[in-house]
């Protein structure tokens, strides 16, 4: 939402005393990718099986 900064006061008013912090920023490329595809560029905990396959390919 381009006018996110205008939305913040409404949220704060809707939840008085509930919100401790709030920030608004433009989405990063990864944020857009996650929104469009539903997953990250790469996983934080890669599959050990896929790593061993990659290692085998490098040895050849």
PDB file of N, CA and C in Angstrom:
ATOM      1  N   UNK A   1       0.856  -1.172   0.000  1.00  0.00           N
ATOM      2  CA  UNK A   1       0.000   0.000   0.000  1.00  0.00           C
ATOM      3  C   UNK A   1       0.899   1.232   0.000  1.00  0.00           C
ATOM      4  N   UNK A   2       0.808   2.052  -1.010  1.00  0.00           N
ATOM      5  CA  UNK A   2       1.691   3.210  -1.127  1.00  0.00           C
ATOM      6  C   UNK A   2       1.461   4.247  -0.038  1.00  0.00           C
ATOM      7  N   UNK A   3       0.249   4.375   0.448  1.00  0.00           N
ATOM      8  CA  UNK A   3      -0.063   5.372   1.468  1.00  0.00           C
ATOM      9  C   UNK A   3      -0.104   4.736   2.855  1.00  0.00           C
ATOM     10  N   UNK A   4       0.815   3.828   3.109  1.00  0.00           N
ATOM     11  CA  UNK A   4       0.861   3.133   4.397  1.00  0.00           C
ATOM     12  C   UNK A   4       0.995   4.083   5.570  1.00  0.00           C
ATOM     13  N   UNK A   5       1.725   5.174   5.365  1.00  0.00           N
ATOM     14  CA  UNK A   5       1.906   6.152   6.434  1.00  0.00           C
ATOM     15  C   UNK A   5       0.577   6.777   6.861  1.00  0.00           C
ATOM     16  N   UNK A   6      -0.397   6.789   5.980  1.00  0.00           N
ATOM     17  CA  UNK A   6      -1.720   7.332   6.323  1.00  0.00           C
ATOM     18  C   UNK A   6      -2.555   6.316   7.092  1.00  0.00           C
ATOM     19  N   UNK A   7      -2.217   5.059   6.965  1.00  0.00           N
ATOM     20  CA  UNK A   7      -2.945   3.969   7.605  1.00  0.00           C
ATOM     21  C   UNK A   7      -2.551   3.815   9.080  1.00  0.00           C
ATOM     22  N   UNK A   8      -1.336   4.211   9.435  1.00  0.00           N
ATOM     23  CA  UNK A   8      -0.800   4.023  10.784  1.00  0.00           C
ATOM     24  C   UNK A   8      -1.664   4.677  11.864  1.00  0.00           C
ATOM     25  N   UNK A   9      -2.059   5.938  11.744  1.00  0.00           N
ATOM     26  CA  UNK A   9      -2.880   6.542  12.802  1.00  0.00           C
ATOM     27  C   UNK A   9      -4.185   5.781  13.061  1.00  0.00           C
ATOM     28  N   UNK A  10      -4.797   5.259  12.013  1.00  0.00           N
ATOM     29  CA  UNK A  10      -6.038   4.498  12.185  1.00  0.00           C
ATOM     30  C   UNK A  10      -5.792   3.221  12.984  1.00  0.00           C
ATOM     31  N   UNK A  11      -4.685   2.567  12.717  1.00  0.00           N
ATOM     32  CA  UNK A  11      -4.349   1.338  13.439  1.00  0.00           C
ATOM     33  C   UNK A  11      -4.084   1.648  14.908  1.00  0.00           C
ATOM     34  N   UNK A  12      -3.318   2.689  15.164  1.00  0.00           N
ATOM     35  CA  UNK A  12      -3.001   3.069  16.542  1.00  0.00           C
ATOM     36  C   UNK A  12      -4.271   3.427  17.304  1.00  0.00           C
ATOM     37  N   UNK A  13      -5.171   4.155  16.674  1.00  0.00           N
ATOM     38  CA  UNK A  13      -6.440   4.511  17.317  1.00  0.00           C
ATOM     39  C   UNK A  13      -7.311   3.285  17.559  1.00  0.00           C
ATOM     40  N   UNK A  14      -7.266   2.324  16.664  1.00  0.00           N
ATOM     41  CA  UNK A  14      -8.092   1.122  16.793  1.00  0.00           C
ATOM     42  C   UNK A  14      -7.620   0.215  17.926  1.00  0.00           C
ATOM     43  N   UNK A  15      -6.347   0.320  18.295  1.00  0.00           N
ATOM     44  CA  UNK A  15      -5.784  -0.532  19.342  1.00  0.00           C
ATOM     45  C   UNK A  15      -5.067   0.316  20.396  1.00  0.00           C
ATOM     46  N   UNK A  16      -5.828   1.158  21.127  1.00  0.00           N
ATOM     47  CA  UNK A  16      -5.195   2.058  22.097  1.00  0.00           C
ATOM     48  C   UNK A  16      -4.449   1.281  23.186  1.00  0.00           C
ATOM     49  N   UNK A  17      -3.208   1.691  23.415  1.00  0.00           N
ATOM     50  CA  UNK A  17      -2.394   1.068  24.451  1.00  0.00           C
ATOM     51  C   UNK A  17      -1.845  -0.302  24.095  1.00  0.00           C
ATOM     52  N   UNK A  18      -2.194  -0.834  22.944  1.00  0.00           N
ATOM     53  CA  UNK A  18      -1.774  -2.181  22.539  1.00  0.00           C
ATOM     54  C   UNK A  18      -0.480  -2.171  21.728  1.00  0.00           C
ATOM     55  N   UNK A  19      -0.265  -1.128  20.960  1.00  0.00           N
ATOM     56  CA  UNK A  19       0.872  -1.085  20.037  1.00  0.00           C
ATOM     57  C   UNK A  19       2.051  -0.401  20.720  1.00  0.00           C
ATOM     58  N   UNK A  20       3.180  -1.117  20.758  1.00  0.00           N
ATOM     59  CA  UNK A  20       4.393  -0.566  21.369  1.00  0.00           C
ATOM     60  C   UNK A  20       5.302   0.086  20.335  1.00  0.00           C
ATOM     61  N   UNK A  21       5.294  -0.436  19.128  1.00  0.00           N
ATOM     62  CA  UNK A  21       6.139   0.124  18.068  1.00  0.00           C
ATOM     63  C   UNK A  21       5.527  -0.205  16.719  1.00  0.00           C
ATOM     64  N   UNK A  22       5.793   0.659  15.754  1.00  0.00           N
ATOM     65  CA  UNK A  22       5.296   0.426  14.401  1.00  0.00           C
ATOM     66  C   UNK A  22       6.258   1.109  13.425  1.00  0.00           C
ATOM     67  N   UNK A  23       6.449   0.498  12.277  1.00  0.00           N
ATOM     68  CA  UNK A  23       7.305   1.115  11.263  1.00  0.00           C
ATOM     69  C   UNK A  23       6.707   0.868   9.888  1.00  0.00           C
ATOM     70  N   UNK A  24       6.988   1.777   8.995  1.00  0.00           N
ATOM     71  CA  UNK A  24       6.506   1.679   7.621  1.00  0.00           C
ATOM     72  C   UNK A  24       7.708   1.881   6.704  1.00  0.00           C
ATOM     73  N   UNK A  25       7.874   0.975   5.755  1.00  0.00           N
ATOM     74  CA  UNK A  25       8.986   1.106   4.810  1.00  0.00           C
ATOM     75  C   UNK A  25       8.594   0.498   3.476  1.00  0.00           C
ATOM     76  N   UNK A  26       9.367   0.820   2.469  1.00  0.00           N
ATOM     77  CA  UNK A  26       9.136   0.223   1.158  1.00  0.00           C
ATOM     78  C   UNK A  26       9.571  -1.235   1.219  1.00  0.00           C
ATOM     79  N   UNK A  27       8.890  -2.112   0.512  1.00  0.00           N
ATOM     80  CA  UNK A  27       9.268  -3.522   0.546  1.00  0.00           C
ATOM     81  C   UNK A  27      10.606  -3.768  -0.149  1.00  0.00           C
ATOM     82  N   UNK A  28      11.356  -4.694   0.410  1.00  0.00           N
ATOM     83  CA  UNK A  28      12.608  -5.117  -0.213  1.00  0.00           C
ATOM     84  C   UNK A  28      12.276  -6.099  -1.337  1.00  0.00           C
ATOM     85  N   UNK A  29      13.233  -6.380  -2.179  1.00  0.00           N
ATOM     86  CA  UNK A  29      13.022  -7.310  -3.284  1.00  0.00           C
ATOM     87  C   UNK A  29      12.556  -8.669  -2.771  1.00  0.00           C
ATOM     88  N   UNK A  30      13.160  -9.142  -1.665  1.00  0.00           N
ATOM     89  CA  UNK A  30      12.757 -10.442  -1.124  1.00  0.00           C
ATOM     90  C   UNK A  30      11.314 -10.404  -0.619  1.00  0.00           C
ATOM     91  N   UNK A  31      10.871  -9.280  -0.037  1.00  0.00           N
ATOM     92  CA  UNK A  31       9.480  -9.149   0.407  1.00  0.00           C
ATOM     93  C   UNK A  31       8.519  -9.332  -0.764  1.00  0.00           C
ATOM     94  N   UNK A  32       8.833  -8.714  -1.878  1.00  0.00           N
ATOM     95  CA  UNK A  32       7.990  -8.825  -3.072  1.00  0.00           C
ATOM     96  C   UNK A  32       8.007 -10.258  -3.596  1.00  0.00           C
ATOM     97  N   UNK A  33       9.188 -10.873  -3.604  1.00  0.00           N
ATOM     98  CA  UNK A  33       9.317 -12.253  -4.074  1.00  0.00           C
ATOM     99  C   UNK A  33       8.469 -13.191  -3.217  1.00  0.00           C
ATOM    100  N   UNK A  34       8.528 -13.038  -1.896  1.00  0.00           N
ATOM    101  CA  UNK A  34       7.734 -13.868  -0.983  1.00  0.00           C
ATOM    102  C   UNK A  34       6.250 -13.642  -1.232  1.00  0.00           C
ATOM    103  N   UNK A  35       5.859 -12.388  -1.403  1.00  0.00           N
ATOM    104  CA  UNK A  35       4.448 -12.073  -1.651  1.00  0.00           C
ATOM    105  C   UNK A  35       3.955 -12.728  -2.939  1.00  0.00           C
ATOM    106  N   UNK A  36       4.787 -12.698  -3.984  1.00  0.00           N
ATOM    107  CA  UNK A  36       4.384 -13.243  -5.291  1.00  0.00           C
ATOM    108  C   UNK A  36       4.449 -14.766  -5.366  1.00  0.00           C
ATOM    109  N   UNK A  37       5.484 -15.349  -4.730  1.00  0.00           N
ATOM    110  CA  UNK A  37       5.709 -16.792  -4.890  1.00  0.00           C
ATOM    111  C   UNK A  37       5.326 -17.617  -3.671  1.00  0.00           C
ATOM    112  N   UNK A  38       5.305 -16.979  -2.509  1.00  0.00           N
ATOM    113  CA  UNK A  38       4.988 -17.710  -1.283  1.00  0.00           C
ATOM    114  C   UNK A  38       6.190 -18.353  -0.621  1.00  0.00           C
ATOM    115  N   UNK A  39       7.392 -18.107  -1.142  1.00  0.00           N
ATOM    116  CA  UNK A  39       8.581 -18.656  -0.479  1.00  0.00           C
ATOM    117  C   UNK A  39       9.775 -17.723  -0.667  1.00  0.00           C
ATOM    118  N   UNK A  40      10.837 -17.967   0.124  1.00  0.00           N
ATOM    119  CA  UNK A  40      12.031 -17.129   0.086  1.00  0.00           C
ATOM    120  C   UNK A  40      12.902 -17.475  -1.108  1.00  0.00           C
ATOM    121  N   UNK A  41      13.895 -16.597  -1.370  1.00  0.00           N
ATOM    122  CA  UNK A  41      14.865 -16.866  -2.434  1.00  0.00           C
ATOM    123  C   UNK A  41      15.557 -18.198  -2.170  1.00  0.00           C
ATOM    124  N   UNK A  42      16.017 -18.383  -0.942  1.00  0.00           N
ATOM    125  CA  UNK A  42      16.704 -19.607  -0.536  1.00  0.00           C
ATOM    126  C   UNK A  42      16.301 -19.894   0.898  1.00  0.00           C
ATOM    127  N   UNK A  43      16.366 -21.147   1.288  1.00  0.00           N
ATOM    128  CA  UNK A  43      15.969 -21.515   2.641  1.00  0.00           C
ATOM    129  C   UNK A  43      17.129 -21.279   3.592  1.00  0.00           C
ATOM    130  N   UNK A  44      16.796 -20.985   4.847  1.00  0.00           N
ATOM    131  CA  UNK A  44      17.820 -20.762   5.862  1.00  0.00           C
ATOM    132  C   UNK A  44      18.429 -22.082   6.316  1.00  0.00           C
ATOM    133  N   UNK A  45      17.654 -23.149   6.292  1.00  0.00           N
ATOM    134  CA  UNK A  45      18.115 -24.475   6.674  1.00  0.00           C
ATOM    135  C   UNK A  45      18.009 -25.382   5.463  1.00  0.00           C
ATOM    136  N   UNK A  46      19.004 -25.350   4.597  1.00  0.00           N
ATOM    137  CA  UNK A  46      18.906 -26.137   3.365  1.00  0.00           C
ATOM    138  C   UNK A  46      18.788 -27.629   3.646  1.00  0.00           C
ATOM    139  N   UNK A  47      18.141 -28.311   2.743  1.00  0.00           N
ATOM    140  CA  UNK A  47      17.949 -29.753   2.837  1.00  0.00           C
ATOM    141  C   UNK A  47      19.308 -30.439   2.737  1.00  0.00           C
ATOM    142  N   UNK A  48      19.690 -31.246   3.742  1.00  0.00           N
ATOM    143  CA  UNK A  48      21.001 -31.898   3.698  1.00  0.00           C
ATOM    144  C   UNK A  48      21.180 -32.786   2.471  1.00  0.00           C
ATOM    145  N   UNK A  49      20.113 -33.404   1.982  1.00  0.00           N
ATOM    146  CA  UNK A  49      20.212 -34.256   0.794  1.00  0.00           C
ATOM    147  C   UNK A  49      20.594 -33.443  -0.436  1.00  0.00           C
ATOM    148  N   UNK A  50      20.024 -32.249  -0.563  1.00  0.00           N
ATOM    149  CA  UNK A  50      20.337 -31.424  -1.728  1.00  0.00           C
ATOM    150  C   UNK A  50      21.778 -30.934  -1.665  1.00  0.00           C
ATOM    151  N   UNK A  51      22.303 -30.707  -0.460  1.00  0.00           N
ATOM    152  CA  UNK A  51      23.694 -30.292  -0.325  1.00  0.00           C
ATOM    153  C   UNK A  51      24.632 -31.403  -0.774  1.00  0.00           C
ATOM    154  N   UNK A  52      24.323 -32.644  -0.398  1.00  0.00           N
ATOM    155  CA  UNK A  52      25.205 -33.744  -0.781  1.00  0.00           C
ATOM    156  C   UNK A  52      25.180 -33.954  -2.295  1.00  0.00           C
ATOM    157  N   UNK A  53      24.048 -33.729  -2.927  1.00  0.00           N
ATOM    158  CA  UNK A  53      23.953 -33.838  -4.384  1.00  0.00           C
ATOM    159  C   UNK A  53      24.830 -32.768  -5.030  1.00  0.00           C
ATOM    160  N   UNK A  54      24.758 -31.528  -4.501  1.00  0.00           N
ATOM    161  CA  UNK A  54      25.581 -30.448  -5.037  1.00  0.00           C
ATOM    162  C   UNK A  54      27.066 -30.762  -4.879  1.00  0.00           C
ATOM    163  N   UNK A  55      27.450 -31.333  -3.740  1.00  0.00           N
ATOM    164  CA  UNK A  55      28.852 -31.671  -3.506  1.00  0.00           C
ATOM    165  C   UNK A  55      29.315 -32.747  -4.476  1.00  0.00           C
ATOM    166  N   UNK A  56      28.451 -33.727  -4.749  1.00  0.00           N
ATOM    167  CA  UNK A  56      28.799 -34.798  -5.684  1.00  0.00           C
ATOM    168  C   UNK A  56      29.008 -34.235  -7.086  1.00  0.00           C
ATOM    169  N   UNK A  57      28.176 -33.265  -7.482  1.00  0.00           N
ATOM    170  CA  UNK A  57      28.296 -32.660  -8.808  1.00  0.00           C
ATOM    171  C   UNK A  57      29.621 -31.918  -8.941  1.00  0.00           C
ATOM    172  N   UNK A  58      30.053 -31.260  -7.860  1.00  0.00           N
ATOM    173  CA  UNK A  58      31.288 -30.488  -7.897  1.00  0.00           C
ATOM    174  C   UNK A  58      32.511 -31.396  -8.017  1.00  0.00           C
ATOM    175  N   UNK A  59      32.439 -32.602  -7.457  1.00  0.00           N
ATOM    176  CA  UNK A  59      33.566 -33.534  -7.493  1.00  0.00           C
ATOM    177  C   UNK A  59      33.812 -34.074  -8.892  1.00  0.00           C
ATOM    178  N   UNK A  60      32.798 -34.121  -9.722  1.00  0.00           N
ATOM    179  CA  UNK A  60      32.920 -34.716 -11.060  1.00  0.00           C
ATOM    180  C   UNK A  60      33.682 -33.866 -12.003  1.00  0.00           C
TER     181      UNK A  60
END
